[in-house]
């Protein structure tokens, strides 16, 4: 087993290659879907449009937190042992976790609402 003083880079490196790039690609797909939605359904309620826009903006904020976290670990603290680099990043993990939970709550609440409508309309 190889140990390194920069074991964080070894542990986070694959996440950068796979997770972050996939997240950025999915954000691009999400952007296209939001644009397509607003062009295809201009007569939907303002509440639904604001909800979709809020979810998209939370997804953007989540991705910014992810990029900031990887930047802190892999770029700005590359092979550095300063005190600022040894401490975990301040806001990025918080944005990632809270963004993930809030997006999941919004989306699943929307699905429950739609299932509720379909169930009681029969």
N, C-alpha and C. Protein backbone atom coordinates (compact mmCIF):
# COMPACT_ATOMS: atom_id res chain seq x y z
N UNK A 1 0.84 -1.18 0.00
CA UNK A 1 0.00 0.00 0.00
C UNK A 1 0.89 1.25 0.00
N UNK A 2 0.57 2.16 -0.87
CA UNK A 2 1.35 3.39 -1.00
C UNK A 2 0.67 4.48 -0.19
N UNK A 3 1.41 5.12 0.67
CA UNK A 3 0.88 6.24 1.43
C UNK A 3 1.56 7.50 0.94
N UNK A 4 0.86 8.59 1.07
CA UNK A 4 1.38 9.85 0.58
C UNK A 4 0.99 10.95 1.54
N UNK A 5 1.79 11.99 1.59
CA UNK A 5 1.41 13.14 2.40
C UNK A 5 0.24 13.87 1.76
N UNK A 6 0.00 13.64 0.48
CA UNK A 6 -1.10 14.28 -0.24
C UNK A 6 -2.18 13.26 -0.55
N UNK A 7 -2.57 12.49 0.46
CA UNK A 7 -3.56 11.43 0.24
C UNK A 7 -4.93 12.00 -0.13
N UNK A 8 -5.19 13.25 0.22
CA UNK A 8 -6.46 13.87 -0.15
C UNK A 8 -6.58 13.97 -1.66
N UNK A 9 -5.48 14.32 -2.31
CA UNK A 9 -5.50 14.41 -3.77
C UNK A 9 -5.75 13.05 -4.41
N UNK A 10 -5.18 12.01 -3.83
CA UNK A 10 -5.38 10.67 -4.36
C UNK A 10 -6.83 10.24 -4.15
N UNK A 11 -7.41 10.57 -3.01
CA UNK A 11 -8.79 10.18 -2.73
C UNK A 11 -9.79 10.98 -3.54
N UNK A 12 -9.54 12.26 -3.76
CA UNK A 12 -10.50 13.12 -4.46
C UNK A 12 -10.29 13.15 -5.96
N UNK A 13 -9.16 12.71 -6.43
CA UNK A 13 -8.85 12.76 -7.85
C UNK A 13 -9.87 12.07 -8.73
N UNK A 14 -10.25 10.81 -8.43
CA UNK A 14 -11.26 10.15 -9.26
C UNK A 14 -12.62 10.85 -9.23
N UNK A 15 -12.96 11.46 -8.11
CA UNK A 15 -14.22 12.20 -8.03
C UNK A 15 -14.24 13.38 -8.97
N UNK A 16 -13.08 14.00 -9.15
CA UNK A 16 -13.00 15.11 -10.09
C UNK A 16 -13.22 14.63 -11.50
N UNK A 17 -12.59 13.51 -11.84
CA UNK A 17 -12.69 13.00 -13.21
C UNK A 17 -14.07 12.49 -13.55
N UNK A 18 -14.73 11.88 -12.62
CA UNK A 18 -16.02 11.23 -12.90
C UNK A 18 -17.18 12.08 -12.40
N UNK A 19 -17.19 12.37 -11.12
CA UNK A 19 -18.34 13.04 -10.50
C UNK A 19 -18.56 14.46 -10.97
N UNK A 20 -17.50 15.24 -10.98
CA UNK A 20 -17.65 16.65 -11.34
C UNK A 20 -17.97 16.83 -12.81
N UNK A 21 -17.30 16.08 -13.66
CA UNK A 21 -17.57 16.20 -15.10
C UNK A 21 -18.99 15.73 -15.41
N UNK A 22 -19.43 14.65 -14.77
CA UNK A 22 -20.81 14.19 -14.95
C UNK A 22 -21.80 15.22 -14.44
N UNK A 23 -21.51 15.82 -13.31
CA UNK A 23 -22.39 16.85 -12.75
C UNK A 23 -22.49 18.05 -13.68
N UNK A 24 -21.39 18.45 -14.27
CA UNK A 24 -21.42 19.59 -15.20
C UNK A 24 -22.20 19.24 -16.46
N UNK A 25 -22.06 18.01 -16.94
CA UNK A 25 -22.82 17.58 -18.12
C UNK A 25 -24.32 17.56 -17.82
N UNK A 26 -24.68 17.06 -16.66
CA UNK A 26 -26.10 17.02 -16.28
C UNK A 26 -26.64 18.44 -16.09
N UNK A 27 -25.82 19.36 -15.59
CA UNK A 27 -26.25 20.75 -15.47
C UNK A 27 -26.53 21.34 -16.85
N UNK A 28 -25.71 21.01 -17.83
CA UNK A 28 -25.95 21.47 -19.19
C UNK A 28 -27.25 20.92 -19.76
N UNK A 29 -27.52 19.65 -19.51
CA UNK A 29 -28.77 19.04 -19.95
C UNK A 29 -29.95 19.71 -19.23
N UNK A 30 -29.79 19.97 -17.95
CA UNK A 30 -30.84 20.63 -17.18
C UNK A 30 -31.12 22.03 -17.72
N UNK A 31 -30.08 22.76 -18.09
CA UNK A 31 -30.25 24.08 -18.68
C UNK A 31 -31.05 24.00 -19.98
N UNK A 32 -30.70 23.03 -20.81
CA UNK A 32 -31.45 22.85 -22.07
C UNK A 32 -32.91 22.51 -21.81
N UNK A 33 -33.17 21.68 -20.80
CA UNK A 33 -34.54 21.32 -20.48
C UNK A 33 -35.33 22.53 -19.97
N UNK A 34 -34.70 23.37 -19.17
CA UNK A 34 -35.39 24.55 -18.65
C UNK A 34 -35.73 25.50 -19.80
N UNK A 35 -34.78 25.73 -20.69
CA UNK A 35 -35.04 26.61 -21.84
C UNK A 35 -36.16 26.03 -22.71
N UNK A 36 -36.09 24.74 -22.98
CA UNK A 36 -37.11 24.07 -23.79
C UNK A 36 -38.48 24.14 -23.11
N UNK A 37 -38.51 23.98 -21.78
CA UNK A 37 -39.78 24.07 -21.05
C UNK A 37 -40.40 25.46 -21.19
N UNK A 38 -39.59 26.50 -20.96
CA UNK A 38 -40.14 27.85 -21.02
C UNK A 38 -40.58 28.23 -22.43
N UNK A 39 -39.95 27.67 -23.44
CA UNK A 39 -40.39 27.94 -24.81
C UNK A 39 -41.62 27.12 -25.19
N UNK A 40 -41.72 25.90 -24.69
CA UNK A 40 -42.81 25.00 -25.08
C UNK A 40 -44.10 25.23 -24.31
N UNK A 41 -44.00 25.68 -23.07
CA UNK A 41 -45.19 25.83 -22.24
C UNK A 41 -45.30 27.25 -21.69
N UNK A 42 -45.54 28.23 -22.55
CA UNK A 42 -45.61 29.62 -22.06
C UNK A 42 -46.87 29.90 -21.25
N UNK A 43 -47.88 29.05 -21.34
CA UNK A 43 -49.15 29.32 -20.66
C UNK A 43 -49.27 28.61 -19.31
N UNK A 44 -48.22 27.94 -18.84
CA UNK A 44 -48.27 27.31 -17.52
C UNK A 44 -48.36 28.39 -16.44
N UNK A 45 -48.79 27.98 -15.27
CA UNK A 45 -48.98 28.94 -14.18
C UNK A 45 -47.64 29.54 -13.76
N UNK A 46 -47.72 30.74 -13.26
CA UNK A 46 -46.52 31.44 -12.81
C UNK A 46 -45.87 30.70 -11.64
N UNK A 47 -46.68 30.09 -10.79
CA UNK A 47 -46.16 29.34 -9.64
C UNK A 47 -45.31 28.16 -10.10
N UNK A 48 -45.78 27.43 -11.10
CA UNK A 48 -45.02 26.29 -11.63
C UNK A 48 -43.72 26.76 -12.28
N UNK A 49 -43.79 27.84 -13.03
CA UNK A 49 -42.59 28.37 -13.68
C UNK A 49 -41.56 28.83 -12.64
N UNK A 50 -42.02 29.49 -11.59
CA UNK A 50 -41.10 29.93 -10.54
C UNK A 50 -40.49 28.74 -9.80
N UNK A 51 -41.28 27.69 -9.61
CA UNK A 51 -40.76 26.48 -8.98
C UNK A 51 -39.68 25.83 -9.81
N UNK A 52 -39.90 25.74 -11.10
CA UNK A 52 -38.90 25.15 -11.98
C UNK A 52 -37.65 26.00 -12.03
N UNK A 53 -37.82 27.30 -12.08
CA UNK A 53 -36.66 28.21 -12.08
C UNK A 53 -35.90 28.12 -10.76
N UNK A 54 -36.63 28.01 -9.64
CA UNK A 54 -35.97 27.89 -8.33
C UNK A 54 -35.16 26.60 -8.24
N UNK A 55 -35.71 25.51 -8.73
CA UNK A 55 -34.98 24.23 -8.70
C UNK A 55 -33.73 24.33 -9.57
N UNK A 56 -33.86 24.95 -10.73
CA UNK A 56 -32.70 25.09 -11.61
C UNK A 56 -31.63 25.96 -10.95
N UNK A 57 -32.02 27.06 -10.32
CA UNK A 57 -31.04 27.92 -9.67
C UNK A 57 -30.38 27.23 -8.48
N UNK A 58 -31.15 26.42 -7.74
CA UNK A 58 -30.55 25.64 -6.66
C UNK A 58 -29.56 24.61 -7.21
N UNK A 59 -29.89 24.03 -8.35
CA UNK A 59 -28.97 23.09 -8.98
C UNK A 59 -27.68 23.79 -9.41
N UNK A 60 -27.81 25.00 -9.92
CA UNK A 60 -26.61 25.78 -10.28
C UNK A 60 -25.77 26.09 -9.05
N UNK A 61 -26.43 26.48 -7.95
CA UNK A 61 -25.72 26.78 -6.71
C UNK A 61 -25.03 25.53 -6.17
N UNK A 62 -25.71 24.40 -6.27
CA UNK A 62 -25.13 23.12 -5.85
C UNK A 62 -23.87 22.81 -6.66
N UNK A 63 -23.93 23.01 -7.95
CA UNK A 63 -22.78 22.74 -8.81
C UNK A 63 -21.64 23.71 -8.53
N UNK A 64 -21.96 24.97 -8.25
CA UNK A 64 -20.92 25.95 -7.88
C UNK A 64 -20.23 25.52 -6.59
N UNK A 65 -21.00 25.04 -5.62
CA UNK A 65 -20.40 24.53 -4.39
C UNK A 65 -19.50 23.34 -4.63
N UNK A 66 -19.92 22.45 -5.54
CA UNK A 66 -19.11 21.28 -5.88
C UNK A 66 -17.80 21.70 -6.55
N UNK A 67 -17.89 22.62 -7.50
CA UNK A 67 -16.69 23.11 -8.18
C UNK A 67 -15.77 23.82 -7.18
N UNK A 68 -16.34 24.63 -6.30
CA UNK A 68 -15.53 25.33 -5.30
C UNK A 68 -14.83 24.39 -4.35
N UNK A 69 -15.51 23.34 -3.98
CA UNK A 69 -14.90 22.36 -3.08
C UNK A 69 -13.74 21.64 -3.74
N UNK A 70 -13.94 21.21 -4.98
CA UNK A 70 -12.84 20.56 -5.69
C UNK A 70 -11.70 21.53 -5.96
N UNK A 71 -12.02 22.77 -6.26
CA UNK A 71 -10.98 23.77 -6.51
C UNK A 71 -10.12 23.96 -5.26
N UNK A 72 -10.78 24.04 -4.12
CA UNK A 72 -10.06 24.25 -2.87
C UNK A 72 -9.09 23.09 -2.59
N UNK A 73 -9.58 21.87 -2.78
CA UNK A 73 -8.77 20.71 -2.44
C UNK A 73 -7.70 20.41 -3.49
N UNK A 74 -8.09 20.47 -4.76
CA UNK A 74 -7.18 19.99 -5.80
C UNK A 74 -6.32 21.08 -6.44
N UNK A 75 -6.75 22.33 -6.41
CA UNK A 75 -5.99 23.36 -7.12
C UNK A 75 -5.31 24.33 -6.16
N UNK A 76 -6.09 25.01 -5.34
CA UNK A 76 -5.47 26.05 -4.51
C UNK A 76 -4.62 25.47 -3.38
N UNK A 77 -4.90 24.24 -2.97
CA UNK A 77 -4.11 23.62 -1.90
C UNK A 77 -3.27 22.45 -2.41
N UNK A 78 -2.96 22.46 -3.68
CA UNK A 78 -2.17 21.38 -4.26
C UNK A 78 -0.79 21.35 -3.61
N UNK A 79 -0.48 20.28 -2.95
CA UNK A 79 0.80 20.04 -2.28
C UNK A 79 1.16 21.14 -1.27
N UNK A 80 0.15 21.69 -0.64
CA UNK A 80 0.38 22.73 0.35
C UNK A 80 0.00 22.19 1.72
N UNK A 81 0.76 22.54 2.72
CA UNK A 81 0.46 22.11 4.08
C UNK A 81 0.18 23.31 4.99
N UNK A 82 -0.22 24.42 4.40
CA UNK A 82 -0.51 25.60 5.22
C UNK A 82 -1.77 25.36 6.04
N UNK A 83 -1.94 26.17 7.06
CA UNK A 83 -3.08 26.00 7.96
C UNK A 83 -4.41 26.18 7.23
N UNK A 84 -4.46 27.10 6.29
CA UNK A 84 -5.69 27.33 5.53
C UNK A 84 -6.08 26.14 4.67
N UNK A 85 -5.11 25.36 4.26
CA UNK A 85 -5.39 24.19 3.43
C UNK A 85 -5.68 22.95 4.25
N UNK A 86 -5.23 22.91 5.47
CA UNK A 86 -5.50 21.76 6.32
C UNK A 86 -6.93 21.79 6.85
N UNK A 87 -7.47 22.97 7.03
CA UNK A 87 -8.86 23.10 7.50
C UNK A 87 -9.81 22.83 6.33
N UNK A 88 -10.97 22.26 6.62
CA UNK A 88 -11.92 22.02 5.52
C UNK A 88 -12.45 23.33 4.96
N UNK A 89 -12.91 23.32 3.72
CA UNK A 89 -13.46 24.54 3.13
C UNK A 89 -14.69 25.02 3.92
N UNK A 90 -14.92 26.31 3.88
CA UNK A 90 -15.97 26.89 4.72
C UNK A 90 -17.38 26.64 4.21
N UNK A 91 -17.69 27.15 3.04
CA UNK A 91 -19.08 27.18 2.60
C UNK A 91 -19.43 26.09 1.61
N UNK A 92 -18.46 25.52 0.94
CA UNK A 92 -18.76 24.59 -0.15
C UNK A 92 -19.50 23.33 0.31
N UNK A 93 -19.03 22.62 1.34
CA UNK A 93 -19.77 21.41 1.74
C UNK A 93 -21.18 21.72 2.22
N UNK A 94 -21.34 22.85 2.87
CA UNK A 94 -22.67 23.24 3.34
C UNK A 94 -23.62 23.48 2.16
N UNK A 95 -23.14 24.16 1.14
CA UNK A 95 -23.95 24.42 -0.05
C UNK A 95 -24.28 23.11 -0.77
N UNK A 96 -23.31 22.21 -0.83
CA UNK A 96 -23.54 20.93 -1.52
C UNK A 96 -24.62 20.13 -0.82
N UNK A 97 -24.51 19.98 0.49
CA UNK A 97 -25.46 19.14 1.24
C UNK A 97 -26.84 19.78 1.28
N UNK A 98 -26.92 21.05 1.65
CA UNK A 98 -28.22 21.71 1.75
C UNK A 98 -28.87 21.81 0.37
N UNK A 99 -28.09 22.13 -0.65
CA UNK A 99 -28.64 22.19 -2.00
C UNK A 99 -29.21 20.86 -2.44
N UNK A 100 -28.49 19.79 -2.15
CA UNK A 100 -28.96 18.46 -2.52
C UNK A 100 -30.27 18.12 -1.82
N UNK A 101 -30.36 18.40 -0.53
CA UNK A 101 -31.58 18.09 0.22
C UNK A 101 -32.77 18.94 -0.23
N UNK A 102 -32.55 20.21 -0.46
CA UNK A 102 -33.65 21.09 -0.85
C UNK A 102 -34.15 20.74 -2.26
N UNK A 103 -33.25 20.46 -3.18
CA UNK A 103 -33.66 20.06 -4.53
C UNK A 103 -34.47 18.78 -4.47
N UNK A 104 -34.00 17.80 -3.71
CA UNK A 104 -34.71 16.53 -3.58
C UNK A 104 -36.08 16.74 -2.96
N UNK A 105 -36.17 17.59 -1.94
CA UNK A 105 -37.46 17.87 -1.31
C UNK A 105 -38.43 18.51 -2.29
N UNK A 106 -37.98 19.51 -3.05
CA UNK A 106 -38.86 20.18 -4.02
C UNK A 106 -39.36 19.22 -5.09
N UNK A 107 -38.43 18.45 -5.66
CA UNK A 107 -38.81 17.56 -6.77
C UNK A 107 -39.74 16.47 -6.30
N UNK A 108 -39.44 15.84 -5.17
CA UNK A 108 -40.31 14.76 -4.71
C UNK A 108 -41.66 15.29 -4.21
N UNK A 109 -41.69 16.49 -3.67
CA UNK A 109 -42.98 17.09 -3.29
C UNK A 109 -43.83 17.36 -4.52
N UNK A 110 -43.20 17.78 -5.61
CA UNK A 110 -43.93 17.99 -6.86
C UNK A 110 -44.51 16.67 -7.36
N UNK A 111 -43.71 15.61 -7.32
CA UNK A 111 -44.20 14.29 -7.76
C UNK A 111 -45.36 13.82 -6.89
N UNK A 112 -45.25 13.99 -5.58
CA UNK A 112 -46.34 13.60 -4.67
C UNK A 112 -47.60 14.39 -5.00
N UNK A 113 -47.46 15.67 -5.27
CA UNK A 113 -48.60 16.51 -5.62
C UNK A 113 -49.27 16.00 -6.90
N UNK A 114 -48.47 15.67 -7.90
CA UNK A 114 -49.02 15.16 -9.18
C UNK A 114 -49.71 13.81 -8.99
N UNK A 115 -49.10 12.92 -8.21
CA UNK A 115 -49.73 11.62 -7.94
C UNK A 115 -51.03 11.82 -7.18
N UNK A 116 -51.04 12.76 -6.26
CA UNK A 116 -52.24 13.08 -5.49
C UNK A 116 -53.36 13.54 -6.44
N UNK A 117 -53.02 14.40 -7.36
CA UNK A 117 -54.01 14.90 -8.33
C UNK A 117 -54.54 13.75 -9.19
N UNK A 118 -53.66 12.92 -9.69
CA UNK A 118 -54.08 11.80 -10.54
C UNK A 118 -54.92 10.81 -9.74
N UNK A 119 -54.54 10.53 -8.51
CA UNK A 119 -55.26 9.56 -7.70
C UNK A 119 -56.68 10.01 -7.38
N UNK A 120 -56.86 11.28 -7.02
CA UNK A 120 -58.17 11.76 -6.64
C UNK A 120 -59.00 12.28 -7.80
N UNK A 121 -58.47 12.29 -8.99
CA UNK A 121 -59.26 12.73 -10.13
C UNK A 121 -60.10 11.59 -10.72
N UNK A 122 -59.88 10.39 -10.27
CA UNK A 122 -60.63 9.24 -10.81
C UNK A 122 -61.89 8.98 -10.06
